[in-house]
Amino acid sequence: MKKRYIICVNDSNKEQNNLFMEYIKENGLGWWHYIDNFWLLTDISGKLSASIIRDQLNIIYGVRNMVIEINQNSDNWAGFGPQNENENMFDWIQKNWKK
């Protein structure tokens, strides 16, 4: 089943972006990237997940990131960033995204 993803990273450089593009091409993903630090991906094989892509982003970038999977039945997301008492990057999303 085809999967679609929205990818955002907090900060990047050309070398990191090139590594991510290699990952995209190695996995046969379709992509759109006309806004810095933002990608739209399609996975026609359906083999990836938001958490798998997030883990790859952590290896390449090591910065705050967000991966949102969009499909006909539901959506899923995974991210990397602060999740503590003083700063929680995902608090609003967990409380409001699917409400």
C-alpha atoms as a PDB file:
ATOM      1  CA  MET A   1       0.000   0.000   0.000  1.00  0.00           C
ATOM      2  CA  LYS A   2       1.330   3.441  -0.940  1.00  0.00           C
ATOM      3  CA  LYS A   3       2.297   5.631   2.012  1.00  0.00           C
ATOM      4  CA  ARG A   4       2.790   9.390   2.099  1.00  0.00           C
ATOM      5  CA  TYR A   5       4.951  11.342   4.541  1.00  0.00           C
ATOM      6  CA  ILE A   6       5.566  14.938   5.550  1.00  0.00           C
ATOM      7  CA  ILE A   7       9.149  15.409   6.804  1.00  0.00           C
ATOM      8  CA  CYS A   8      10.479  18.443   8.696  1.00  0.00           C
ATOM      9  CA  VAL A   9      13.914  18.928  10.260  1.00  0.00           C
ATOM     10  CA  ASN A  10      14.997  21.812  12.468  1.00  0.00           C
ATOM     11  CA  ASP A  11      18.319  22.555  10.817  1.00  0.00           C
ATOM     12  CA  SER A  12      20.459  21.071   8.071  1.00  0.00           C
ATOM     13  CA  ASN A  13      23.481  21.552   5.884  1.00  0.00           C
ATOM     14  CA  LYS A  14      24.185  20.509   2.299  1.00  0.00           C
ATOM     15  CA  GLU A  15      26.096  17.339   3.293  1.00  0.00           C
ATOM     16  CA  GLN A  16      23.243  16.149   5.527  1.00  0.00           C
ATOM     17  CA  ASN A  17      20.667  16.881   2.828  1.00  0.00           C
ATOM     18  CA  ASN A  18      22.736  14.920   0.317  1.00  0.00           C
ATOM     19  CA  LEU A  19      22.843  11.943   2.717  1.00  0.00           C
ATOM     20  CA  PHE A  20      19.069  12.107   3.148  1.00  0.00           C
ATOM     21  CA  MET A  21      18.598  12.267  -0.629  1.00  0.00           C
ATOM     22  CA  GLU A  22      20.744   9.125  -0.945  1.00  0.00           C
ATOM     23  CA  TYR A  23      18.469   7.423   1.608  1.00  0.00           C
ATOM     24  CA  ILE A  24      15.403   8.544  -0.368  1.00  0.00           C
ATOM     25  CA  LYS A  25      16.799   7.211  -3.639  1.00  0.00           C
ATOM     26  CA  GLU A  26      18.086   3.929  -2.106  1.00  0.00           C
ATOM     27  CA  ASN A  27      14.566   3.237  -0.836  1.00  0.00           C
ATOM     28  CA  GLY A  28      12.878   4.105  -4.140  1.00  0.00           C
ATOM     29  CA  LEU A  29      10.871   6.937  -2.628  1.00  0.00           C
ATOM     30  CA  GLY A  30       9.187   9.684  -4.574  1.00  0.00           C
ATOM     31  CA  TRP A  31       9.980  13.124  -3.244  1.00  0.00           C
ATOM     32  CA  TRP A  32       9.184  16.823  -3.330  1.00  0.00           C
ATOM     33  CA  HIS A  33      11.643  19.295  -1.727  1.00  0.00           C
ATOM     34  CA  TYR A  34      11.155  22.927  -2.716  1.00  0.00           C
ATOM     35  CA  ILE A  35      11.150  24.322   0.852  1.00  0.00           C
ATOM     36  CA  ASP A  36      14.278  24.145   3.017  1.00  0.00           C
ATOM     37  CA  ASN A  37      14.176  21.430   5.699  1.00  0.00           C
ATOM     38  CA  PHE A  38      10.788  20.138   4.434  1.00  0.00           C
ATOM     39  CA  TRP A  39      10.056  17.115   2.226  1.00  0.00           C
ATOM     40  CA  LEU A  40       7.013  15.294   0.936  1.00  0.00           C
ATOM     41  CA  LEU A  41       7.751  11.603   0.342  1.00  0.00           C
ATOM     42  CA  THR A  42       5.829   8.741  -1.233  1.00  0.00           C
ATOM     43  CA  ASP A  43       6.610   5.075  -0.546  1.00  0.00           C
ATOM     44  CA  ILE A  44       4.851   2.872  -3.114  1.00  0.00           C
ATOM     45  CA  SER A  45       6.279  -0.282  -1.508  1.00  0.00           C
ATOM     46  CA  GLY A  46       4.689   0.556   1.850  1.00  0.00           C
ATOM     47  CA  LYS A  47       7.742  -0.832   3.665  1.00  0.00           C
ATOM     48  CA  LEU A  48       8.658   2.249   5.703  1.00  0.00           C
ATOM     49  CA  SER A  49       7.002   3.844   8.726  1.00  0.00           C
ATOM     50  CA  ALA A  50       7.153   7.235  10.406  1.00  0.00           C
ATOM     51  CA  SER A  51       9.397   5.843  13.150  1.00  0.00           C
ATOM     52  CA  ILE A  52      11.807   4.197  10.665  1.00  0.00           C
ATOM     53  CA  ILE A  53      12.205   7.494   8.786  1.00  0.00           C
ATOM     54  CA  ARG A  54      12.536   9.410  12.079  1.00  0.00           C
ATOM     55  CA  ASP A  55      15.347   7.079  13.168  1.00  0.00           C
ATOM     56  CA  GLN A  56      17.163   7.699   9.881  1.00  0.00           C
ATOM     57  CA  LEU A  57      16.745  11.462  10.319  1.00  0.00           C
ATOM     58  CA  ASN A  58      18.294  11.167  13.789  1.00  0.00           C
ATOM     59  CA  ILE A  59      21.313   9.368  12.309  1.00  0.00           C
ATOM     60  CA  ILE A  60      21.792  11.946   9.546  1.00  0.00           C
ATOM     61  CA  TYR A  61      20.752  15.201  11.232  1.00  0.00           C
ATOM     62  CA  GLY A  62      20.620  14.599  14.992  1.00  0.00           C
ATOM     63  CA  VAL A  63      18.265  17.573  15.432  1.00  0.00           C
ATOM     64  CA  ARG A  64      14.581  18.082  16.156  1.00  0.00           C
ATOM     65  CA  ASN A  65      12.479  16.509  13.450  1.00  0.00           C
ATOM     66  CA  MET A  66       8.936  15.453  12.664  1.00  0.00           C
ATOM     67  CA  VAL A  67       7.620  12.740  10.357  1.00  0.00           C
ATOM     68  CA  ILE A  68       3.888  12.574   9.662  1.00  0.00           C
ATOM     69  CA  GLU A  69       2.370   9.680   7.727  1.00  0.00           C
ATOM     70  CA  ILE A  70      -0.822  10.530   5.855  1.00  0.00           C
ATOM     71  CA  ASN A  71      -3.099   7.811   4.450  1.00  0.00           C
ATOM     72  CA  GLN A  72      -6.781   7.213   3.694  1.00  0.00           C
ATOM     73  CA  ASN A  73      -7.580   5.344   6.927  1.00  0.00           C
ATOM     74  CA  SER A  74      -5.573   7.251   9.535  1.00  0.00           C
ATOM     75  CA  ASP A  75      -2.418   9.220  10.096  1.00  0.00           C
ATOM     76  CA  ASN A  76       0.639   8.416  12.161  1.00  0.00           C
ATOM     77  CA  TRP A  77       3.602  10.474  13.264  1.00  0.00           C
ATOM     78  CA  ALA A  78       6.960  10.229  15.004  1.00  0.00           C
ATOM     79  CA  GLY A  79       9.390  12.904  16.046  1.00  0.00           C
ATOM     80  CA  PHE A  80      12.560  13.731  17.920  1.00  0.00           C
ATOM     81  CA  GLY A  81      12.816  16.710  20.237  1.00  0.00           C
ATOM     82  CA  PRO A  82      12.329  17.866  23.816  1.00  0.00           C
ATOM     83  CA  GLN A  83       9.645  16.107  25.810  1.00  0.00           C
ATOM     84  CA  ASN A  84      10.096  17.325  29.346  1.00  0.00           C
ATOM     85  CA  GLU A  85       8.209  19.323  31.944  1.00  0.00           C
ATOM     86  CA  ASN A  86       9.554  22.691  30.740  1.00  0.00           C
ATOM     87  CA  GLU A  87       9.452  22.093  27.006  1.00  0.00           C
ATOM     88  CA  ASN A  88       7.460  19.425  25.187  1.00  0.00           C
ATOM     89  CA  MET A  89       7.644  19.608  21.408  1.00  0.00           C
ATOM     90  CA  PHE A  90       4.789  17.127  20.986  1.00  0.00           C
ATOM     91  CA  ASP A  91       2.332  18.080  23.748  1.00  0.00           C
ATOM     92  CA  TRP A  92       0.029  20.120  21.495  1.00  0.00           C
ATOM     93  CA  ILE A  93       0.070  17.469  18.761  1.00  0.00           C
ATOM     94  CA  GLN A  94      -0.798  14.673  21.194  1.00  0.00           C
ATOM     95  CA  LYS A  95      -3.679  16.679  22.649  1.00  0.00           C
ATOM     96  CA  ASN A  96      -5.087  18.265  19.491  1.00  0.00           C
ATOM     97  CA  TRP A  97      -4.024  16.609  16.222  1.00  0.00           C
ATOM     98  CA  LYS A  98      -6.655  13.831  16.097  1.00  0.00           C
ATOM     99  CA  LYS A  99      -9.347  15.543  18.148  1.00  0.00           C
END
